[in-house]
Each structure stands twice: as C-alpha cells, then as structure tokens.
Amino acid sequence: MPSSQKFRDYVVGQFKGELRVTTRKMMGEYILYADGKVFGGIYDDRLLVKPVPAALAMLPNAKKQLPYDGAKPMLRITDEQIADSEFLVKLLDAMLPEVPASRKK
C-alpha cells in the first residue's frame, strides 16, 4: 500500500519546518533527505530511519523492519515518537554526521 501524502506532510511538518528535510516520491513511497543525505523514508505510512549508531543509541527499543522486500532493515519510529517534534529534530541532528553522503549518478 503506498504511503499517503497526508502522512508525508505530517511527518515532514514534525521536523519543525526544518528546510533541510525534503522528500522524493519513489514508487508510491517517500525517501527522506536532510542536507542532501538519505536518512530514512516513509513506507506504507511508517517512518523508518537508517540504523546508524546514533539512531540505535537514541532508539534502543526500536523494531527493525524492512521498508520493502529485499531491502536492508531500518528502525521504525513509533507514532508517539513522531508526535514529539523535538525528539525528531534531536534524532536527525545526531544521525546526520553518521549518514553517508548520497552517491552522485
């Protein structure tokens, strides 16, 4: 089931209007970028982030889930965590130094 534009707008809005958070629609889902780096995505109306060490430290009880068949597991952000915009911004700030730069095509 593709993710809804409404959920995408809600998640992006929870990053407190951080202009650095952008999305790219891909096959009905949304890839999340910050400062030009892919840090997560919205898959089936679930917010998933890359399991970098900072994310693992801040989300010790997060469930690992597959965004789609054949993909690497990612960390699921709960609805309660999404509702906490300050937490999301702190998570993003902690993760970004550890997220590799996107490859140029």
N, C-alpha and C. Protein backbone atom coordinates (compact mmCIF):
# COMPACT_ATOMS: atom_id res chain seq x y z
N MET A 1 0.85 -1.18 0.00
CA MET A 1 0.00 0.00 0.00
C MET A 1 0.90 1.24 0.00
N PRO A 2 0.72 2.11 -0.96
CA PRO A 2 1.56 3.32 -0.98
C PRO A 2 1.26 4.24 0.20
N SER A 3 2.25 5.02 0.56
CA SER A 3 2.08 5.99 1.65
C SER A 3 1.25 7.17 1.18
N SER A 4 0.53 7.75 2.12
CA SER A 4 -0.35 8.88 1.77
C SER A 4 0.41 10.20 1.85
N GLN A 5 0.00 11.12 1.01
CA GLN A 5 0.55 12.47 1.01
C GLN A 5 0.27 13.13 2.37
N LYS A 6 -0.88 12.82 2.96
CA LYS A 6 -1.25 13.40 4.26
C LYS A 6 -0.25 12.98 5.34
N PHE A 7 0.12 11.68 5.38
CA PHE A 7 1.09 11.21 6.37
C PHE A 7 2.45 11.83 6.10
N ARG A 8 2.84 11.91 4.84
CA ARG A 8 4.11 12.53 4.47
C ARG A 8 4.17 13.97 4.96
N ASP A 9 3.10 14.73 4.72
CA ASP A 9 3.05 16.13 5.15
C ASP A 9 3.15 16.24 6.68
N TYR A 10 2.47 15.34 7.38
CA TYR A 10 2.51 15.34 8.84
C TYR A 10 3.93 15.09 9.34
N VAL A 11 4.58 14.05 8.81
CA VAL A 11 5.94 13.72 9.26
C VAL A 11 6.90 14.87 8.97
N VAL A 12 6.89 15.39 7.77
CA VAL A 12 7.80 16.50 7.43
C VAL A 12 7.52 17.71 8.32
N GLY A 13 6.24 17.98 8.60
CA GLY A 13 5.88 19.09 9.49
C GLY A 13 6.38 18.90 10.91
N GLN A 14 6.52 17.66 11.34
CA GLN A 14 7.00 17.38 12.70
C GLN A 14 8.49 17.69 12.85
N PHE A 15 9.19 17.84 11.77
CA PHE A 15 10.60 18.25 11.85
C PHE A 15 10.71 19.76 12.05
N LYS A 16 9.63 20.38 12.55
CA LYS A 16 9.57 21.80 12.90
C LYS A 16 9.94 22.70 11.72
N GLY A 17 9.49 22.33 10.54
CA GLY A 17 9.74 23.18 9.39
C GLY A 17 11.20 23.23 8.99
N GLU A 18 11.97 22.24 9.42
CA GLU A 18 13.38 22.20 9.04
C GLU A 18 13.45 22.21 7.51
N LEU A 19 13.98 23.26 6.94
CA LEU A 19 14.04 23.37 5.50
C LEU A 19 14.97 22.34 4.89
N ARG A 20 15.85 21.81 5.71
CA ARG A 20 16.78 20.82 5.18
C ARG A 20 16.15 19.46 4.97
N VAL A 21 14.95 19.20 5.52
CA VAL A 21 14.27 17.92 5.32
C VAL A 21 13.39 18.01 4.08
N THR A 22 13.71 17.16 3.12
CA THR A 22 12.94 17.12 1.87
C THR A 22 12.59 15.67 1.57
N THR A 23 11.67 15.49 0.65
CA THR A 23 11.29 14.13 0.25
C THR A 23 11.33 14.00 -1.26
N ARG A 24 11.43 12.76 -1.67
CA ARG A 24 11.35 12.44 -3.09
C ARG A 24 10.44 11.24 -3.21
N LYS A 25 9.41 11.37 -4.01
CA LYS A 25 8.46 10.27 -4.17
C LYS A 25 9.08 9.22 -5.09
N MET A 26 9.00 7.96 -4.63
CA MET A 26 9.56 6.88 -5.42
C MET A 26 8.67 5.65 -5.28
N MET A 27 8.02 5.27 -6.35
CA MET A 27 7.17 4.08 -6.39
C MET A 27 6.12 4.09 -5.29
N GLY A 28 5.49 5.22 -5.06
CA GLY A 28 4.41 5.33 -4.08
C GLY A 28 4.87 5.57 -2.65
N GLU A 29 6.17 5.61 -2.43
CA GLU A 29 6.72 5.85 -1.10
C GLU A 29 7.55 7.13 -1.14
N TYR A 30 8.08 7.54 0.00
CA TYR A 30 8.85 8.79 0.08
C TYR A 30 10.21 8.55 0.71
N ILE A 31 11.25 8.96 0.01
CA ILE A 31 12.61 8.91 0.53
C ILE A 31 12.84 10.23 1.26
N LEU A 32 13.42 10.18 2.46
CA LEU A 32 13.68 11.38 3.26
C LEU A 32 15.14 11.79 3.15
N TYR A 33 15.36 13.07 2.86
CA TYR A 33 16.70 13.64 2.74
C TYR A 33 16.86 14.76 3.75
N ALA A 34 18.08 14.94 4.21
CA ALA A 34 18.44 16.11 5.01
C ALA A 34 19.87 16.47 4.64
N ASP A 35 20.08 17.72 4.33
CA ASP A 35 21.41 18.19 3.90
C ASP A 35 21.96 17.32 2.78
N GLY A 36 21.08 16.88 1.88
CA GLY A 36 21.50 16.08 0.73
C GLY A 36 21.78 14.62 1.02
N LYS A 37 21.52 14.16 2.25
CA LYS A 37 21.78 12.77 2.63
C LYS A 37 20.45 12.04 2.85
N VAL A 38 20.40 10.79 2.42
CA VAL A 38 19.22 9.96 2.68
C VAL A 38 19.34 9.43 4.10
N PHE A 39 18.38 9.78 4.95
CA PHE A 39 18.42 9.30 6.34
C PHE A 39 17.27 8.37 6.68
N GLY A 40 16.30 8.25 5.79
CA GLY A 40 15.17 7.37 6.07
C GLY A 40 14.14 7.45 4.97
N GLY A 41 12.95 7.00 5.32
CA GLY A 41 11.87 7.04 4.35
C GLY A 41 10.53 6.77 5.00
N ILE A 42 9.51 7.01 4.21
CA ILE A 42 8.14 6.72 4.63
C ILE A 42 7.65 5.59 3.73
N TYR A 43 7.38 4.45 4.35
CA TYR A 43 6.99 3.24 3.64
C TYR A 43 5.71 2.71 4.25
N ASP A 44 4.67 2.57 3.46
CA ASP A 44 3.38 2.08 3.96
C ASP A 44 2.93 2.87 5.19
N ASP A 45 3.07 4.19 5.12
CA ASP A 45 2.71 5.09 6.22
C ASP A 45 3.44 4.73 7.53
N ARG A 46 4.70 4.30 7.40
CA ARG A 46 5.58 4.06 8.54
C ARG A 46 6.84 4.89 8.33
N LEU A 47 7.29 5.56 9.38
CA LEU A 47 8.55 6.30 9.32
C LEU A 47 9.67 5.37 9.74
N LEU A 48 10.62 5.15 8.83
CA LEU A 48 11.77 4.28 9.09
C LEU A 48 13.04 5.09 8.87
N VAL A 49 14.04 4.87 9.72
CA VAL A 49 15.32 5.57 9.57
C VAL A 49 16.45 4.55 9.50
N LYS A 50 17.58 4.98 8.95
CA LYS A 50 18.75 4.12 8.85
C LYS A 50 19.26 3.77 10.24
N PRO A 51 19.73 2.54 10.42
CA PRO A 51 20.21 2.11 11.74
C PRO A 51 21.67 2.49 12.00
N VAL A 52 21.97 3.77 11.91
CA VAL A 52 23.32 4.23 12.23
C VAL A 52 23.48 4.21 13.76
N PRO A 53 24.73 4.19 14.27
CA PRO A 53 24.94 4.09 15.72
C PRO A 53 24.15 5.12 16.55
N ALA A 54 24.08 6.37 16.10
CA ALA A 54 23.35 7.38 16.87
C ALA A 54 21.86 7.04 16.97
N ALA A 55 21.29 6.55 15.89
CA ALA A 55 19.87 6.16 15.91
C ALA A 55 19.66 4.96 16.83
N LEU A 56 20.57 3.99 16.77
CA LEU A 56 20.46 2.82 17.65
C LEU A 56 20.55 3.23 19.12
N ALA A 57 21.39 4.22 19.42
CA ALA A 57 21.54 4.69 20.80
C ALA A 57 20.29 5.43 21.27
N MET A 58 19.69 6.22 20.40
CA MET A 58 18.51 7.00 20.79
C MET A 58 17.21 6.19 20.72
N LEU A 59 17.26 5.08 20.00
CA LEU A 59 16.07 4.23 19.83
C LEU A 59 16.39 2.79 20.25
N PRO A 60 16.76 2.58 21.51
CA PRO A 60 17.22 1.25 21.92
C PRO A 60 16.16 0.16 21.79
N ASN A 61 14.90 0.52 21.83
CA ASN A 61 13.82 -0.46 21.75
C ASN A 61 13.12 -0.48 20.40
N ALA A 62 13.68 0.23 19.43
CA ALA A 62 13.05 0.30 18.12
C ALA A 62 13.07 -1.06 17.43
N LYS A 63 11.98 -1.34 16.75
CA LYS A 63 11.89 -2.58 15.99
C LYS A 63 12.52 -2.36 14.62
N LYS A 64 13.28 -3.35 14.18
CA LYS A 64 13.83 -3.30 12.83
C LYS A 64 12.79 -3.87 11.88
N GLN A 65 12.53 -3.11 10.81
CA GLN A 65 11.54 -3.54 9.83
C GLN A 65 12.09 -3.31 8.43
N LEU A 66 11.61 -4.10 7.51
CA LEU A 66 12.00 -3.94 6.11
C LEU A 66 11.10 -2.92 5.44
N PRO A 67 11.67 -1.94 4.76
CA PRO A 67 10.84 -0.98 4.05
C PRO A 67 10.11 -1.64 2.87
N TYR A 68 10.75 -2.62 2.24
CA TYR A 68 10.17 -3.38 1.13
C TYR A 68 10.98 -4.66 1.00
N ASP A 69 10.44 -5.63 0.29
CA ASP A 69 11.13 -6.91 0.12
C ASP A 69 12.50 -6.72 -0.50
N GLY A 70 13.50 -7.36 0.09
CA GLY A 70 14.85 -7.30 -0.43
C GLY A 70 15.69 -6.15 0.09
N ALA A 71 15.10 -5.28 0.89
CA ALA A 71 15.83 -4.11 1.43
C ALA A 71 16.50 -4.48 2.75
N LYS A 72 17.41 -3.63 3.18
CA LYS A 72 18.04 -3.79 4.49
C LYS A 72 17.07 -3.31 5.56
N PRO A 73 17.12 -3.91 6.76
CA PRO A 73 16.22 -3.47 7.83
C PRO A 73 16.53 -2.04 8.26
N MET A 74 15.48 -1.36 8.65
CA MET A 74 15.58 0.01 9.15
C MET A 74 14.87 0.07 10.50
N LEU A 75 15.05 1.17 11.22
CA LEU A 75 14.43 1.34 12.53
C LEU A 75 13.08 2.04 12.40
N ARG A 76 12.09 1.48 13.03
CA ARG A 76 10.73 2.03 12.99
C ARG A 76 10.59 3.11 14.05
N ILE A 77 10.12 4.27 13.66
CA ILE A 77 9.80 5.36 14.59
C ILE A 77 8.32 5.24 14.93
N THR A 78 8.01 5.15 16.21
CA THR A 78 6.62 4.96 16.63
C THR A 78 5.80 6.25 16.43
N ASP A 79 4.49 6.09 16.47
CA ASP A 79 3.60 7.25 16.34
C ASP A 79 3.85 8.25 17.46
N GLU A 80 4.12 7.75 18.68
CA GLU A 80 4.39 8.65 19.80
C GLU A 80 5.68 9.44 19.58
N GLN A 81 6.69 8.79 19.01
CA GLN A 81 7.95 9.49 18.72
C GLN A 81 7.77 10.50 17.60
N ILE A 82 6.96 10.17 16.61
CA ILE A 82 6.70 11.12 15.52
C ILE A 82 5.99 12.35 16.07
N ALA A 83 5.10 12.15 17.02
CA ALA A 83 4.35 13.27 17.60
C ALA A 83 5.25 14.22 18.40
N ASP A 84 6.41 13.75 18.82
CA ASP A 84 7.36 14.54 19.61
C ASP A 84 8.37 15.20 18.65
N SER A 85 8.02 16.37 18.15
CA SER A 85 8.86 17.02 17.14
C SER A 85 10.26 17.35 17.66
N GLU A 86 10.39 17.68 18.92
CA GLU A 86 11.71 17.96 19.48
C GLU A 86 12.60 16.72 19.43
N PHE A 87 12.01 15.57 19.72
CA PHE A 87 12.76 14.31 19.65
C PHE A 87 13.22 14.05 18.22
N LEU A 88 12.33 14.26 17.24
CA LEU A 88 12.70 14.02 15.85
C LEU A 88 13.86 14.89 15.41
N VAL A 89 13.85 16.16 15.81
CA VAL A 89 14.94 17.07 15.44
C VAL A 89 16.25 16.62 16.10
N LYS A 90 16.19 16.21 17.37
CA LYS A 90 17.39 15.71 18.06
C LYS A 90 17.92 14.44 17.39
N LEU A 91 17.01 13.56 17.02
CA LEU A 91 17.40 12.32 16.34
C LEU A 91 18.09 12.64 15.01
N LEU A 92 17.51 13.53 14.25
CA LEU A 92 18.10 13.92 12.97
C LEU A 92 19.48 14.54 13.16
N ASP A 93 19.60 15.45 14.11
CA ASP A 93 20.90 16.09 14.38
C ASP A 93 21.96 15.08 14.79
N ALA A 94 21.57 14.06 15.56
CA ALA A 94 22.52 13.03 15.98
C ALA A 94 22.90 12.10 14.83
N MET A 95 21.95 11.80 13.97
CA MET A 95 22.17 10.86 12.88
C MET A 95 23.01 11.42 11.73
N LEU A 96 22.76 12.65 11.37
CA LEU A 96 23.34 13.18 10.13
C LEU A 96 24.85 13.05 10.00
N PRO A 97 25.64 13.28 11.05
CA PRO A 97 27.08 13.10 10.87
C PRO A 97 27.48 11.66 10.54
N GLU A 98 26.62 10.72 10.86
CA GLU A 98 26.93 9.31 10.62
C GLU A 98 26.33 8.74 9.34
N VAL A 99 25.47 9.51 8.70
CA VAL A 99 24.84 9.06 7.47
C VAL A 99 25.77 9.38 6.30
N PRO A 100 26.08 8.38 5.48
CA PRO A 100 26.99 8.66 4.36
C PRO A 100 26.34 9.59 3.33
N ALA A 101 27.17 10.34 2.63
CA ALA A 101 26.69 11.24 1.59
C ALA A 101 26.10 10.40 0.46
N SER A 102 25.09 10.95 -0.19
CA SER A 102 24.48 10.25 -1.32
C SER A 102 25.47 10.18 -2.47
N ARG A 103 25.41 9.08 -3.19
CA ARG A 103 26.30 8.91 -4.33
C ARG A 103 25.79 9.72 -5.51
N LYS A 104 26.71 10.32 -6.23
CA LYS A 104 26.36 11.06 -7.44
C LYS A 104 26.12 10.07 -8.57
N LYS A 105 25.13 10.35 -9.39
CA LYS A 105 24.84 9.47 -10.53
C LYS A 105 25.73 9.82 -11.70
